[in-house]
Protein backbone atom coordinates (compact mmCIF):
# COMPACT_ATOMS: atom_id res chain seq x y z
CA UNK A 1 -16.71 14.13 -22.28
CA UNK A 2 -15.98 17.78 -23.22
CA UNK A 3 -13.07 16.69 -24.95
CA UNK A 4 -14.72 13.97 -26.77
CA UNK A 5 -17.61 16.28 -28.11
CA UNK A 6 -15.57 19.52 -28.87
CA UNK A 7 -13.39 20.36 -31.81
CA UNK A 8 -10.02 21.90 -30.77
CA UNK A 9 -8.19 22.62 -33.90
CA UNK A 10 -6.89 25.83 -32.83
CA UNK A 11 -7.02 26.95 -29.11
CA UNK A 12 -5.20 30.28 -29.44
CA UNK A 13 -2.95 32.19 -31.67
CA UNK A 14 0.42 33.58 -31.23
CA UNK A 15 0.89 37.36 -30.41
CA UNK A 16 3.16 38.82 -33.10
CA UNK A 17 6.46 40.24 -31.89
CA UNK A 18 6.52 44.08 -31.66
CA UNK A 19 9.01 46.50 -32.47
CA UNK A 20 8.56 48.70 -29.60
CA UNK A 21 11.83 50.86 -29.25
CA UNK A 22 12.89 52.94 -32.31
CA UNK A 23 16.49 52.30 -32.90
CA UNK A 24 17.36 56.01 -33.00
CA UNK A 25 16.14 56.24 -29.26
CA UNK A 26 19.14 54.00 -28.40
CA UNK A 27 21.90 56.10 -29.81
CA UNK A 28 21.10 55.51 -33.55
CA UNK A 29 23.04 58.17 -35.53
CA UNK A 30 21.55 58.89 -38.74
CA UNK A 31 24.27 59.50 -41.36
CA UNK A 32 23.54 60.94 -44.90
CA UNK A 33 25.04 57.58 -46.58
CA UNK A 34 22.86 55.58 -44.17
CA UNK A 35 19.82 57.70 -44.72
CA UNK A 36 19.85 57.48 -48.49
CA UNK A 37 20.50 53.69 -48.25
CA UNK A 38 17.53 53.37 -45.76
CA UNK A 39 15.21 55.50 -47.99
CA UNK A 40 16.32 53.10 -51.10
CA UNK A 41 15.59 50.12 -49.12
CA UNK A 42 12.07 51.33 -47.74
CA UNK A 43 11.12 52.02 -51.40
CA UNK A 44 12.12 48.64 -52.53
CA UNK A 45 10.09 47.07 -49.58
CA UNK A 46 7.08 48.99 -50.92
CA UNK A 47 7.22 46.90 -54.03
CA UNK A 48 4.53 44.20 -53.56
CA UNK A 49 6.76 41.51 -55.24
CA UNK A 50 9.33 41.97 -52.54
CA UNK A 51 8.88 39.85 -49.35
CA UNK A 52 12.67 39.53 -47.79
CA UNK A 53 15.76 41.33 -47.88
CA UNK A 54 19.17 40.27 -46.76
CA UNK A 55 21.70 42.62 -45.45
CA UNK A 56 25.59 41.32 -45.29
CA UNK A 57 28.99 42.89 -45.02
CA UNK A 58 32.02 43.29 -42.66
CA UNK A 59 31.27 43.27 -38.94
CA UNK A 60 30.88 46.63 -37.22
CA UNK A 61 29.69 48.73 -40.05
CA UNK A 62 26.11 49.23 -38.74
CA UNK A 63 24.13 46.48 -40.40
CA UNK A 64 22.28 45.63 -37.21
CA UNK A 65 21.50 49.19 -36.51
CA UNK A 66 20.42 49.69 -40.10
CA UNK A 67 17.98 46.52 -39.88
CA UNK A 68 16.68 47.69 -36.67
CA UNK A 69 15.91 51.01 -38.30
CA UNK A 70 14.11 49.54 -41.40
CA UNK A 71 12.10 47.25 -39.15
CA UNK A 72 10.96 49.84 -37.07
CA UNK A 73 10.21 52.19 -39.94
CA UNK A 74 8.43 49.30 -41.88
CA UNK A 75 6.11 48.47 -38.92
CA UNK A 76 5.63 52.22 -38.08
CA UNK A 77 4.47 52.48 -41.88
CA UNK A 78 2.45 49.71 -41.70
CA UNK A 79 4.02 48.11 -44.69
CA UNK A 80 3.72 44.61 -43.21
CA UNK A 81 1.56 42.98 -40.44
CA UNK A 82 4.64 41.23 -39.04
CA UNK A 83 8.18 42.35 -39.09
CA UNK A 84 11.03 39.58 -38.20
CA UNK A 85 14.62 40.02 -37.92
CA UNK A 86 17.20 37.01 -37.72
CA UNK A 87 20.83 37.59 -36.91
CA UNK A 88 23.12 34.84 -38.35
CA UNK A 89 26.78 34.59 -37.09
CA UNK A 90 29.55 32.42 -38.27
CA UNK A 91 29.93 30.74 -34.95
CA UNK A 92 26.64 29.57 -33.38
CA UNK A 93 26.11 29.95 -29.67
């Protein structure tokens, strides 16, 4: 009877994922070249017409560390309500 009378379009909402640990707390080393790149990307992300960025390159050069730092900084600066990160590899697991 309760189910028949009620409207259950939405029962709950997903809690957005949180970036909780700053990357530099896990051994992140802020190199001068990386800091300037990070600052340039952060300025780009403040452009209201930019919604997504892609980072690509050779393995082992610090792409993931850079993106983790960007995600933490963007969330910390409240640039976006949700920050998502997806890692795509050549060989799916």
